[in-house]
Amino acid sequence: MSIGTAVLTSVLFSLLAGGCGDDGSDDGSGNAAVRRGVGAACTTDSDCKTDLVCLTEFKGGMCGIAECTTTSECPEGSVCVADSDLSRNFCLLACDVKEDCNVHRPLDDEANCSSTLNEVDPPDGGTNDPKVCRPPSA
């Protein structure tokens, strides 16, 4: 194998390996909500990025947006849902599996990927509410 082929193979392998997964880290990967820190654990507002606040209603806190009225108020990758347990609306991360929920959460305060919360403004009339990440209540 020539040096040029070896270098090209190494570069291609690095690109392919680096493109796997979606850890939501601050390197630009993940959806907009994950990159902004929606769902991250916190203790005070200063632990959260930009316009997010620390919602202490959740165990371990959760950086997010409260009192949304439509999903359009939430960052891409999150959904405005009505949380009847807490009598408030929140922008929560959309998820397919539990791992999607815990990119920025410690093991002790893991969120679950739940389909039990209702989207506030469902485009389909509420027949197909998305699964969302919800940490346990504090």
Protein backbone atom coordinates (compact mmCIF):
# COMPACT_ATOMS: atom_id res chain seq x y z
CA MET A 1 0.00 0.00 0.00
CA SER A 2 1.39 3.39 -0.95
CA ILE A 3 1.74 6.20 1.57
CA GLY A 4 -0.96 8.19 -0.25
CA THR A 5 -3.40 5.26 -0.07
CA ALA A 6 -2.63 4.72 3.62
CA VAL A 7 -3.25 8.39 4.40
CA LEU A 8 -6.49 8.41 2.38
CA THR A 9 -7.67 5.25 4.13
CA SER A 10 -6.87 6.76 7.53
CA VAL A 11 -8.73 9.99 6.71
CA LEU A 12 -11.77 8.12 5.42
CA PHE A 13 -11.86 5.88 8.51
CA SER A 14 -11.64 8.93 10.79
CA LEU A 15 -14.49 10.66 8.96
CA LEU A 16 -16.69 7.58 9.08
CA ALA A 17 -15.98 6.87 12.74
CA GLY A 18 -16.49 10.51 13.71
CA GLY A 19 -19.85 10.60 11.95
CA CYS A 20 -21.31 7.75 13.98
CA GLY A 21 -23.69 8.45 16.83
CA ASP A 22 -25.31 11.63 18.02
CA ASP A 23 -23.95 12.48 21.43
CA GLY A 24 -25.26 16.04 21.38
CA SER A 25 -21.92 17.43 22.51
CA ASP A 26 -21.02 21.06 21.95
CA ASP A 27 -19.01 20.20 18.83
CA GLY A 28 -22.02 20.94 16.61
CA SER A 29 -23.53 17.47 16.65
CA GLY A 30 -27.01 16.70 17.93
CA ASN A 31 -30.18 18.64 17.23
CA ALA A 32 -30.65 22.32 18.09
CA ALA A 33 -32.35 21.54 21.41
CA VAL A 34 -29.51 19.27 22.56
CA ARG A 35 -26.87 21.79 21.46
CA ARG A 36 -28.68 24.55 23.41
CA GLY A 37 -28.78 22.33 26.49
CA VAL A 38 -32.52 21.62 26.70
CA GLY A 39 -32.90 18.76 29.18
CA ALA A 40 -29.48 19.22 30.80
CA ALA A 41 -29.20 18.83 34.57
CA CYS A 42 -28.78 22.07 36.55
CA THR A 43 -29.04 23.62 39.99
CA THR A 44 -29.31 27.33 39.02
CA ASP A 45 -30.13 29.37 35.92
CA SER A 46 -26.43 30.10 35.45
CA ASP A 47 -25.87 26.38 34.73
CA CYS A 48 -28.02 26.75 31.60
CA LYS A 49 -27.16 28.26 28.24
CA THR A 50 -28.65 31.34 26.58
CA ASP A 51 -32.34 31.90 27.29
CA LEU A 52 -32.94 28.66 29.19
CA VAL A 53 -33.79 28.54 32.87
CA CYS A 54 -33.21 25.85 35.48
CA LEU A 55 -36.53 24.16 36.10
CA THR A 56 -36.22 22.85 39.65
CA GLU A 57 -39.54 20.99 39.49
CA PHE A 58 -37.49 18.09 38.14
CA LYS A 59 -35.03 15.90 40.06
CA GLY A 60 -31.54 17.16 39.24
CA GLY A 61 -33.05 20.28 37.67
CA MET A 62 -33.59 20.63 33.94
CA CYS A 63 -32.49 23.43 31.64
CA GLY A 64 -35.46 24.36 29.54
CA ILE A 65 -38.29 26.64 28.62
CA ALA A 66 -41.47 26.76 30.69
CA GLU A 67 -44.91 28.10 29.83
CA CYS A 68 -44.65 27.46 26.08
CA THR A 69 -47.92 27.63 24.19
CA THR A 70 -46.80 26.12 20.87
CA THR A 71 -43.98 23.88 19.71
CA SER A 72 -42.79 26.72 17.47
CA GLU A 73 -41.57 28.41 20.69
CA CYS A 74 -39.26 25.44 21.35
CA PRO A 75 -35.86 24.75 19.76
CA GLU A 76 -35.84 22.21 16.92
CA GLY A 77 -35.72 18.75 18.46
CA SER A 78 -38.02 19.62 21.35
CA VAL A 79 -41.80 19.75 21.75
CA CYS A 80 -44.16 21.88 23.83
CA VAL A 81 -46.05 19.49 26.08
CA ALA A 82 -48.62 19.85 28.85
CA ASP A 83 -47.36 18.23 32.04
CA SER A 84 -50.50 17.53 34.09
CA ASP A 85 -48.44 16.37 37.11
CA LEU A 86 -46.88 19.82 37.40
CA SER A 87 -49.74 21.84 35.85
CA ARG A 88 -47.34 23.60 33.46
CA ASN A 89 -46.23 23.43 29.85
CA PHE A 90 -42.58 22.76 29.02
CA CYS A 91 -40.38 22.40 25.96
CA LEU A 92 -39.08 18.85 26.37
CA LEU A 93 -36.64 16.98 24.15
CA ALA A 94 -38.22 14.67 21.60
CA CYS A 95 -36.83 11.13 21.79
CA ASP A 96 -36.92 7.67 20.32
CA VAL A 97 -35.04 5.90 23.12
CA LYS A 98 -33.97 6.70 26.70
CA GLU A 99 -30.37 7.37 25.63
CA ASP A 100 -31.62 10.40 23.63
CA CYS A 101 -32.70 11.95 26.93
CA ASN A 102 -29.52 11.70 28.94
CA VAL A 103 -26.80 13.32 26.86
CA HIS A 104 -26.37 16.03 29.52
CA ARG A 105 -27.78 14.26 32.60
CA PRO A 106 -26.02 12.19 35.29
CA LEU A 107 -27.02 8.58 35.92
CA ASP A 108 -28.74 9.46 39.23
CA ASP A 109 -31.09 11.93 37.52
CA GLU A 110 -31.82 10.19 34.25
CA ALA A 111 -34.87 11.21 32.24
CA ASN A 112 -37.18 8.68 30.62
CA CYS A 113 -38.43 8.66 27.05
CA SER A 114 -42.18 8.83 27.65
CA SER A 115 -45.25 8.87 25.46
CA THR A 116 -47.60 9.84 28.30
CA LEU A 117 -47.39 13.64 27.91
CA ASN A 118 -49.58 15.50 25.43
CA GLU A 119 -48.24 17.88 22.82
CA VAL A 120 -49.84 21.31 23.29
CA ASP A 121 -50.41 22.09 19.60
CA PRO A 122 -50.28 18.77 17.73
CA PRO A 123 -50.30 19.19 13.95
CA ASP A 124 -52.30 15.96 13.58
CA GLY A 125 -55.02 16.84 16.08
CA GLY A 126 -53.38 14.91 18.92
CA THR A 127 -53.56 11.43 17.42
CA ASN A 128 -49.79 10.90 17.34
CA ASP A 129 -48.14 12.64 20.30
CA PRO A 130 -44.34 12.32 20.13
CA LYS A 131 -42.27 10.63 22.79
CA VAL A 132 -40.47 13.16 24.99
CA CYS A 133 -37.77 13.16 27.65
CA ARG A 134 -39.10 13.78 31.16
CA PRO A 135 -36.89 13.73 34.23
CA PRO A 136 -38.52 12.53 37.45
CA SER A 137 -40.26 15.19 39.55
CA ALA A 138 -38.23 16.67 42.39
